[in-house]
PDB file of N, CA and C in Angstrom:
ATOM      1  N   MET A   1       0.843  -1.166   0.000  1.00  0.00           N
ATOM      2  CA  MET A   1       0.000   0.000   0.000  1.00  0.00           C
ATOM      3  C   MET A   1       0.894   1.237   0.000  1.00  0.00           C
ATOM      4  N   VAL A   2       0.597   2.141  -0.913  1.00  0.00           N
ATOM      5  CA  VAL A   2       1.295   3.419  -0.968  1.00  0.00           C
ATOM      6  C   VAL A   2       0.242   4.502  -0.842  1.00  0.00           C
ATOM      7  N   GLY A   3       0.355   5.336   0.180  1.00  0.00           N
ATOM      8  CA  GLY A   3      -0.582   6.437   0.326  1.00  0.00           C
ATOM      9  C   GLY A   3      -0.702   6.894   1.759  1.00  0.00           C
ATOM     10  N   GLY A   4      -1.020   8.157   1.891  1.00  0.00           N
ATOM     11  CA  GLY A   4      -1.124   8.763   3.198  1.00  0.00           C
ATOM     12  C   GLY A   4       0.195   9.390   3.606  1.00  0.00           C
ATOM     13  N   ALA A   5       0.134  10.158   4.660  1.00  0.00           N
ATOM     14  CA  ALA A   5       1.325  10.849   5.143  1.00  0.00           C
ATOM     15  C   ALA A   5       1.380  10.745   6.653  1.00  0.00           C
ATOM     16  N   VAL A   6       2.604  10.818   7.172  1.00  0.00           N
ATOM     17  CA  VAL A   6       2.818  10.765   8.609  1.00  0.00           C
ATOM     18  C   VAL A   6       3.930  11.740   8.952  1.00  0.00           C
ATOM     19  N   GLY A   7       3.829  12.341  10.134  1.00  0.00           N
ATOM     20  CA  GLY A   7       4.911  13.186  10.629  1.00  0.00           C
ATOM     21  C   GLY A   7       4.872  14.614  10.134  1.00  0.00           C
ATOM     22  N   GLU A   8       5.845  15.365  10.609  1.00  0.00           N
ATOM     23  CA  GLU A   8       6.000  16.769  10.235  1.00  0.00           C
ATOM     24  C   GLU A   8       7.480  17.039  10.055  1.00  0.00           C
ATOM     25  N   PRO A   9       7.960  17.364   8.879  1.00  0.00           N
ATOM     26  CA  PRO A   9       7.174  17.489   7.650  1.00  0.00           C
ATOM     27  C   PRO A   9       6.619  16.139   7.224  1.00  0.00           C
ATOM     28  N   PRO A  10       5.516  16.161   6.472  1.00  0.00           N
ATOM     29  CA  PRO A  10       4.875  14.902   6.107  1.00  0.00           C
ATOM     30  C   PRO A  10       5.763  14.014   5.238  1.00  0.00           C
ATOM     31  N   ARG A  11       5.665  12.706   5.501  1.00  0.00           N
ATOM     32  CA  ARG A  11       6.409  11.698   4.731  1.00  0.00           C
ATOM     33  C   ARG A  11       5.414  10.683   4.185  1.00  0.00           C
ATOM     34  N   LEU A  12       5.685  10.208   2.980  1.00  0.00           N
ATOM     35  CA  LEU A  12       4.818   9.233   2.325  1.00  0.00           C
ATOM     36  C   LEU A  12       4.851   7.905   3.078  1.00  0.00           C
ATOM     37  N   VAL A  13       3.692   7.280   3.218  1.00  0.00           N
ATOM     38  CA  VAL A  13       3.582   5.975   3.863  1.00  0.00           C
ATOM     39  C   VAL A  13       3.601   4.888   2.786  1.00  0.00           C
ATOM     40  N   VAL A  14       4.488   3.918   2.968  1.00  0.00           N
ATOM     41  CA  VAL A  14       4.549   2.732   2.105  1.00  0.00           C
ATOM     42  C   VAL A  14       4.540   1.527   3.038  1.00  0.00           C
ATOM     43  N   ALA A  15       3.503   0.710   2.938  1.00  0.00           N
ATOM     44  CA  ALA A  15       3.389  -0.473   3.800  1.00  0.00           C
ATOM     45  C   ALA A  15       3.588  -1.730   2.959  1.00  0.00           C
ATOM     46  N   VAL A  16       4.448  -2.619   3.442  1.00  0.00           N
ATOM     47  CA  VAL A  16       4.705  -3.878   2.734  1.00  0.00           C
ATOM     48  C   VAL A  16       4.545  -5.047   3.701  1.00  0.00           C
ATOM     49  N   GLN A  17       4.287  -6.212   3.149  1.00  0.00           N
ATOM     50  CA  GLN A  17       4.159  -7.413   3.962  1.00  0.00           C
ATOM     51  C   GLN A  17       5.419  -8.263   3.938  1.00  0.00           C
ATOM     52  N   ALA A  18       6.348  -7.931   3.065  1.00  0.00           N
ATOM     53  CA  ALA A  18       7.585  -8.715   2.952  1.00  0.00           C
ATOM     54  C   ALA A  18       8.388  -8.612   4.245  1.00  0.00           C
ATOM     55  N   PRO A  19       9.038  -9.684   4.638  1.00  0.00           N
ATOM     56  CA  PRO A  19       9.839  -9.647   5.864  1.00  0.00           C
ATOM     57  C   PRO A  19      11.098  -8.800   5.681  1.00  0.00           C
ATOM     58  N   ALA A  20      11.518  -8.187   6.763  1.00  0.00           N
ATOM     59  CA  ALA A  20      12.744  -7.374   6.734  1.00  0.00           C
ATOM     60  C   ALA A  20      13.953  -8.295   6.873  1.00  0.00           C
ATOM     61  N   VAL A  21      14.094  -9.200   5.925  1.00  0.00           N
ATOM     62  CA  VAL A  21      15.171 -10.191   5.919  1.00  0.00           C
ATOM     63  C   VAL A  21      15.783 -10.210   4.524  1.00  0.00           C
ATOM     64  N   ASP A  22      17.099 -10.129   4.464  1.00  0.00           N
ATOM     65  CA  ASP A  22      17.821 -10.205   3.191  1.00  0.00           C
ATOM     66  C   ASP A  22      17.352  -9.168   2.175  1.00  0.00           C
ATOM     67  N   GLY A  23      16.930  -8.001   2.632  1.00  0.00           N
ATOM     68  CA  GLY A  23      16.543  -6.921   1.727  1.00  0.00           C
ATOM     69  C   GLY A  23      15.185  -7.085   1.066  1.00  0.00           C
ATOM     70  N   LYS A  24      14.413  -8.091   1.486  1.00  0.00           N
ATOM     71  CA  LYS A  24      13.116  -8.342   0.849  1.00  0.00           C
ATOM     72  C   LYS A  24      12.135  -7.196   1.059  1.00  0.00           C
ATOM     73  N   ALA A  25      12.115  -6.615   2.249  1.00  0.00           N
ATOM     74  CA  ALA A  25      11.205  -5.496   2.507  1.00  0.00           C
ATOM     75  C   ALA A  25      11.610  -4.281   1.676  1.00  0.00           C
ATOM     76  N   ASN A  26      12.900  -4.010   1.582  1.00  0.00           N
ATOM     77  CA  ASN A  26      13.363  -2.887   0.761  1.00  0.00           C
ATOM     78  C   ASN A  26      12.974  -3.089  -0.699  1.00  0.00           C
ATOM     79  N   GLN A  27      13.129  -4.301  -1.209  1.00  0.00           N
ATOM     80  CA  GLN A  27      12.740  -4.593  -2.591  1.00  0.00           C
ATOM     81  C   GLN A  27      11.242  -4.380  -2.788  1.00  0.00           C
ATOM     82  N   ALA A  28      10.450  -4.767  -1.800  1.00  0.00           N
ATOM     83  CA  ALA A  28       9.003  -4.588  -1.885  1.00  0.00           C
ATOM     84  C   ALA A  28       8.633  -3.107  -1.872  1.00  0.00           C
ATOM     85  N   VAL A  29       9.322  -2.319  -1.054  1.00  0.00           N
ATOM     86  CA  VAL A  29       9.083  -0.871  -1.018  1.00  0.00           C
ATOM     87  C   VAL A  29       9.376  -0.264  -2.386  1.00  0.00           C
ATOM     88  N   ILE A  30      10.518  -0.600  -2.957  1.00  0.00           N
ATOM     89  CA  ILE A  30      10.903  -0.059  -4.264  1.00  0.00           C
ATOM     90  C   ILE A  30       9.891  -0.478  -5.332  1.00  0.00           C
ATOM     91  N   LYS A  31       9.455  -1.726  -5.311  1.00  0.00           N
ATOM     92  CA  LYS A  31       8.479  -2.190  -6.300  1.00  0.00           C
ATOM     93  C   LYS A  31       7.169  -1.428  -6.172  1.00  0.00           C
ATOM     94  N   GLN A  32       6.705  -1.216  -4.950  1.00  0.00           N
ATOM     95  CA  GLN A  32       5.452  -0.482  -4.760  1.00  0.00           C
ATOM     96  C   GLN A  32       5.584   0.967  -5.217  1.00  0.00           C
ATOM     97  N   LEU A  33       6.728   1.590  -4.923  1.00  0.00           N
ATOM     98  CA  LEU A  33       6.940   2.964  -5.382  1.00  0.00           C
ATOM     99  C   LEU A  33       6.992   3.027  -6.905  1.00  0.00           C
ATOM    100  N   ALA A  34       7.690   2.085  -7.518  1.00  0.00           N
ATOM    101  CA  ALA A  34       7.777   2.052  -8.982  1.00  0.00           C
ATOM    102  C   ALA A  34       6.379   1.926  -9.591  1.00  0.00           C
ATOM    103  N   ASP A  35       5.561   1.055  -9.033  1.00  0.00           N
ATOM    104  CA  ASP A  35       4.192   0.895  -9.531  1.00  0.00           C
ATOM    105  C   ASP A  35       3.383   2.175  -9.324  1.00  0.00           C
ATOM    106  N   ALA A  36       3.488   2.778  -8.157  1.00  0.00           N
ATOM    107  CA  ALA A  36       2.709   3.977  -7.840  1.00  0.00           C
ATOM    108  C   ALA A  36       3.081   5.161  -8.727  1.00  0.00           C
ATOM    109  N   PHE A  37       4.359   5.262  -9.076  1.00  0.00           N
ATOM    110  CA  PHE A  37       4.830   6.389  -9.887  1.00  0.00           C
ATOM    111  C   PHE A  37       4.969   6.033 -11.369  1.00  0.00           C
ATOM    112  N   SER A  38       4.600   4.816 -11.739  1.00  0.00           N
ATOM    113  CA  SER A  38       4.710   4.348 -13.131  1.00  0.00           C
ATOM    114  C   SER A  38       6.129   4.496 -13.667  1.00  0.00           C
ATOM    115  N   LEU A  39       7.094   4.071 -12.858  1.00  0.00           N
ATOM    116  CA  LEU A  39       8.501   4.101 -13.238  1.00  0.00           C
ATOM    117  C   LEU A  39       9.079   2.701 -13.085  1.00  0.00           C
ATOM    118  N   ARG A  40      10.344   2.553 -13.447  1.00  0.00           N
ATOM    119  CA  ARG A  40      11.042   1.275 -13.273  1.00  0.00           C
ATOM    120  C   ARG A  40      11.649   1.222 -11.870  1.00  0.00           C
ATOM    121  N   ALA A  41      11.747   0.043 -11.322  1.00  0.00           N
ATOM    122  CA  ALA A  41      12.342  -0.113  -9.991  1.00  0.00           C
ATOM    123  C   ALA A  41      13.770   0.415  -9.969  1.00  0.00           C
ATOM    124  N   ARG A  42      14.508   0.255 -11.056  1.00  0.00           N
ATOM    125  CA  ARG A  42      15.899   0.717 -11.080  1.00  0.00           C
ATOM    126  C   ARG A  42      16.027   2.244 -11.057  1.00  0.00           C
ATOM    127  N   ASP A  43      14.904   2.964 -11.202  1.00  0.00           N
ATOM    128  CA  ASP A  43      14.932   4.425 -11.106  1.00  0.00           C
ATOM    129  C   ASP A  43      15.008   4.900  -9.652  1.00  0.00           C
ATOM    130  N   PHE A  44      14.826   3.996  -8.696  1.00  0.00           N
ATOM    131  CA  PHE A  44      14.798   4.343  -7.278  1.00  0.00           C
ATOM    132  C   PHE A  44      16.054   3.844  -6.572  1.00  0.00           C
ATOM    133  N   THR A  45      16.567   4.677  -5.657  1.00  0.00           N
ATOM    134  CA  THR A  45      17.721   4.300  -4.846  1.00  0.00           C
ATOM    135  C   THR A  45      17.443   4.660  -3.392  1.00  0.00           C
ATOM    136  N   ILE A  46      17.632   3.710  -2.490  1.00  0.00           N
ATOM    137  CA  ILE A  46      17.535   4.001  -1.057  1.00  0.00           C
ATOM    138  C   ILE A  46      18.866   4.622  -0.651  1.00  0.00           C
ATOM    139  N   VAL A  47      18.825   5.884  -0.207  1.00  0.00           N
ATOM    140  CA  VAL A  47      20.060   6.578   0.166  1.00  0.00           C
ATOM    141  C   VAL A  47      20.237   6.680   1.678  1.00  0.00           C
ATOM    142  N   PHE A  48      19.192   6.367   2.429  1.00  0.00           N
ATOM    143  CA  PHE A  48      19.263   6.403   3.888  1.00  0.00           C
ATOM    144  C   PHE A  48      18.204   5.455   4.431  1.00  0.00           C
ATOM    145  N   GLY A  49      18.534   4.722   5.467  1.00  0.00           N
ATOM    146  CA  GLY A  49      17.557   3.895   6.163  1.00  0.00           C
ATOM    147  C   GLY A  49      17.385   2.502   5.610  1.00  0.00           C
ATOM    148  N   GLU A  50      18.393   2.008   4.926  1.00  0.00           N
ATOM    149  CA  GLU A  50      18.291   0.672   4.343  1.00  0.00           C
ATOM    150  C   GLU A  50      17.994  -0.397   5.397  1.00  0.00           C
ATOM    151  N   LEU A  51      18.447  -0.171   6.634  1.00  0.00           N
ATOM    152  CA  LEU A  51      18.230  -1.149   7.702  1.00  0.00           C
ATOM    153  C   LEU A  51      17.137  -0.738   8.682  1.00  0.00           C
ATOM    154  N   GLY A  52      16.445   0.379   8.411  1.00  0.00           N
ATOM    155  CA  GLY A  52      15.433   0.866   9.338  1.00  0.00           C
ATOM    156  C   GLY A  52      14.074   1.034   8.681  1.00  0.00           C
ATOM    157  N   ARG A  53      13.113   1.450   9.484  1.00  0.00           N
ATOM    158  CA  ARG A  53      11.747   1.658   8.989  1.00  0.00           C
ATOM    159  C   ARG A  53      11.624   2.936   8.185  1.00  0.00           C
ATOM    160  N   ASP A  54      12.315   3.992   8.609  1.00  0.00           N
ATOM    161  CA  ASP A  54      12.270   5.275   7.906  1.00  0.00           C
ATOM    162  C   ASP A  54      13.361   5.294   6.854  1.00  0.00           C
ATOM    163  N   LYS A  55      12.991   5.677   5.639  1.00  0.00           N
ATOM    164  CA  LYS A  55      13.935   5.644   4.530  1.00  0.00           C
ATOM    165  C   LYS A  55      13.910   6.964   3.773  1.00  0.00           C
ATOM    166  N   ARG A  56      15.009   7.272   3.149  1.00  0.00           N
ATOM    167  CA  ARG A  56      15.080   8.374   2.193  1.00  0.00           C
ATOM    168  C   ARG A  56      15.394   7.727   0.856  1.00  0.00           C
ATOM    169  N   ILE A  57      14.521   7.969  -0.105  1.00  0.00           N
ATOM    170  CA  ILE A  57      14.642   7.324  -1.412  1.00  0.00           C
ATOM    171  C   ILE A  57      14.698   8.402  -2.484  1.00  0.00           C
ATOM    172  N   VAL A  58      15.627   8.228  -3.418  1.00  0.00           N
ATOM    173  CA  VAL A  58      15.813   9.172  -4.514  1.00  0.00           C
ATOM    174  C   VAL A  58      15.285   8.539  -5.797  1.00  0.00           C
ATOM    175  N   ILE A  59      14.622   9.361  -6.619  1.00  0.00           N
ATOM    176  CA  ILE A  59      14.226   8.932  -7.958  1.00  0.00           C
ATOM    177  C   ILE A  59      15.259   9.501  -8.913  1.00  0.00           C
ATOM    178  N   ASN A  60      15.952   8.624  -9.626  1.00  0.00           N
ATOM    179  CA  ASN A  60      17.084   9.007 -10.466  1.00  0.00           C
ATOM    180  C   ASN A  60      16.673   9.328 -11.899  1.00  0.00           C
ATOM    181  N   GLY A  61      17.476  10.211 -12.534  1.00  0.00           N
ATOM    182  CA  GLY A  61      17.428  10.417 -13.970  1.00  0.00           C
ATOM    183  C   GLY A  61      16.144  10.971 -14.540  1.00  0.00           C
ATOM    184  N   GLN A  62      15.488  11.877 -13.846  1.00  0.00           N
ATOM    185  CA  GLN A  62      14.232  12.423 -14.342  1.00  0.00           C
ATOM    186  C   GLN A  62      14.444  13.826 -14.914  1.00  0.00           C
ATOM    187  N   SER A  63      13.738  14.122 -15.999  1.00  0.00           N
ATOM    188  CA  SER A  63      13.809  15.449 -16.615  1.00  0.00           C
ATOM    189  C   SER A  63      13.110  16.460 -15.712  1.00  0.00           C
ATOM    190  N   PRO A  64      13.419  17.762 -15.870  1.00  0.00           N
ATOM    191  CA  PRO A  64      12.736  18.780 -15.058  1.00  0.00           C
ATOM    192  C   PRO A  64      11.212  18.715 -15.201  1.00  0.00           C
ATOM    193  N   GLU A  65      10.728  18.445 -16.407  1.00  0.00           N
ATOM    194  CA  GLU A  65       9.284  18.358 -16.620  1.00  0.00           C
ATOM    195  C   GLU A  65       8.698  17.168 -15.861  1.00  0.00           C
ATOM    196  N   ASN A  66       9.389  16.044 -15.910  1.00  0.00           N
ATOM    197  CA  ASN A  66       8.901  14.856 -15.214  1.00  0.00           C
ATOM    198  C   ASN A  66       8.990  15.028 -13.698  1.00  0.00           C
ATOM    199  N   LYS A  67       9.976  15.781 -13.216  1.00  0.00           N
ATOM    200  CA  LYS A  67      10.078  16.036 -11.771  1.00  0.00           C
ATOM    201  C   LYS A  67       8.829  16.739 -11.265  1.00  0.00           C
ATOM    202  N   LYS A  68       8.310  17.682 -12.050  1.00  0.00           N
ATOM    203  CA  LYS A  68       7.082  18.381 -11.653  1.00  0.00           C
ATOM    204  C   LYS A  68       5.910  17.405 -11.585  1.00  0.00           C
ATOM    205  N   THR A  69       5.817  16.531 -12.569  1.00  0.00           N
ATOM    206  CA  THR A  69       4.754  15.525 -12.596  1.00  0.00           C
ATOM    207  C   THR A  69       4.866  14.593 -11.393  1.00  0.00           C
ATOM    208  N   LEU A  70       6.094  14.178 -11.076  1.00  0.00           N
ATOM    209  CA  LEU A  70       6.314  13.296  -9.928  1.00  0.00           C
ATOM    210  C   LEU A  70       5.972  13.994  -8.617  1.00  0.00           C
ATOM    211  N   GLN A  71       6.272  15.290  -8.509  1.00  0.00           N
ATOM    212  CA  GLN A  71       5.941  16.052  -7.305  1.00  0.00           C
ATOM    213  C   GLN A  71       4.427  16.091  -7.105  1.00  0.00           C
ATOM    214  N   VAL A  72       3.696  16.332  -8.193  1.00  0.00           N
ATOM    215  CA  VAL A  72       2.233  16.350  -8.110  1.00  0.00           C
ATOM    216  C   VAL A  72       1.710  14.975  -7.684  1.00  0.00           C
ATOM    217  N   LYS A  73       2.261  13.911  -8.262  1.00  0.00           N
ATOM    218  CA  LYS A  73       1.843  12.550  -7.902  1.00  0.00           C
ATOM    219  C   LYS A  73       2.147  12.255  -6.435  1.00  0.00           C
ATOM    220  N   LEU A  74       3.320  12.672  -5.960  1.00  0.00           N
ATOM    221  CA  LEU A  74       3.689  12.478  -4.558  1.00  0.00           C
ATOM    222  C   LEU A  74       2.688  13.165  -3.640  1.00  0.00           C
ATOM    223  N   GLU A  75       2.365  14.410  -3.945  1.00  0.00           N
ATOM    224  CA  GLU A  75       1.414  15.151  -3.113  1.00  0.00           C
ATOM    225  C   GLU A  75       0.037  14.499  -3.148  1.00  0.00           C
ATOM    226  N   GLU A  76      -0.343  13.981  -4.318  1.00  0.00           N
ATOM    227  CA  GLU A  76      -1.616  13.274  -4.446  1.00  0.00           C
ATOM    228  C   GLU A  76      -1.625  12.015  -3.570  1.00  0.00           C
ATOM    229  N   LEU A  77      -0.553  11.244  -3.629  1.00  0.00           N
ATOM    230  CA  LEU A  77      -0.459  10.027  -2.821  1.00  0.00           C
ATOM    231  C   LEU A  77      -0.469  10.338  -1.327  1.00  0.00           C
ATOM    232  N   MET A  78       0.164  11.435  -0.952  1.00  0.00           N
ATOM    233  CA  MET A  78       0.248  11.799   0.461  1.00  0.00           C
ATOM    234  C   MET A  78      -1.034  12.443   0.965  1.00  0.00           C
ATOM    235  N   GLY A  79      -1.837  12.970   0.036  1.00  0.00           N
ATOM    236  CA  GLY A  79      -3.057  13.652   0.434  1.00  0.00           C
ATOM    237  C   GLY A  79      -2.794  15.019   1.024  1.00  0.00           C
ATOM    238  N   VAL A  80      -1.725  15.678   0.535  1.00  0.00           N
ATOM    239  CA  VAL A  80      -1.398  17.021   1.010  1.00  0.00           C
ATOM    240  C   VAL A  80      -1.712  18.027  -0.078  1.00  0.00           C
ATOM    241  N   ALA A  81      -1.857  19.288   0.325  1.00  0.00           N
ATOM    242  CA  ALA A  81      -2.149  20.358  -0.624  1.00  0.00           C
ATOM    243  C   ALA A  81      -0.985  20.536  -1.589  1.00  0.00           C
ATOM    244  N   PRO A  82      -1.283  20.728  -2.873  1.00  0.00           N
ATOM    245  CA  PRO A  82      -0.211  20.939  -3.855  1.00  0.00           C
ATOM    246  C   PRO A  82       0.606  22.181  -3.542  1.00  0.00           C
ATOM    247  N   THR A  83       1.900  22.104  -3.840  1.00  0.00           N
ATOM    248  CA  THR A  83       2.767  23.266  -3.687  1.00  0.00           C
ATOM    249  C   THR A  83       2.762  24.051  -4.979  1.00  0.00           C
ATOM    250  N   LEU A  84       3.057  25.323  -4.882  1.00  0.00           N
ATOM    251  CA  LEU A  84       3.165  26.153  -6.083  1.00  0.00           C
ATOM    252  C   LEU A  84       4.475  25.860  -6.770  1.00  0.00           C
ATOM    253  N   MET A  85       4.413  25.679  -8.075  1.00  0.00           N
ATOM    254  CA  MET A  85       5.638  25.394  -8.831  1.00  0.00           C
ATOM    255  C   MET A  85       5.956  26.527  -9.756  1.00  0.00           C
TER     256      MET A  85
END
């Protein structure tokens, strides 16, 4: 499940059922994000929190136009008010 926000500043919620063993949960998180954003799994990199519940994930190689589209999609998934671009 991808959707909703938690914390301040708000962070996207991604819930997976895969066990946190041998990177399976991380792979499940990346797959769910790829599906939610209609991108390839290889476009995502976990840059912080590989061993924890809270993660920082980067979407690689996106054009400026696509970054705006991804920002809108992120805000939609989180259920937060759109930012001015």
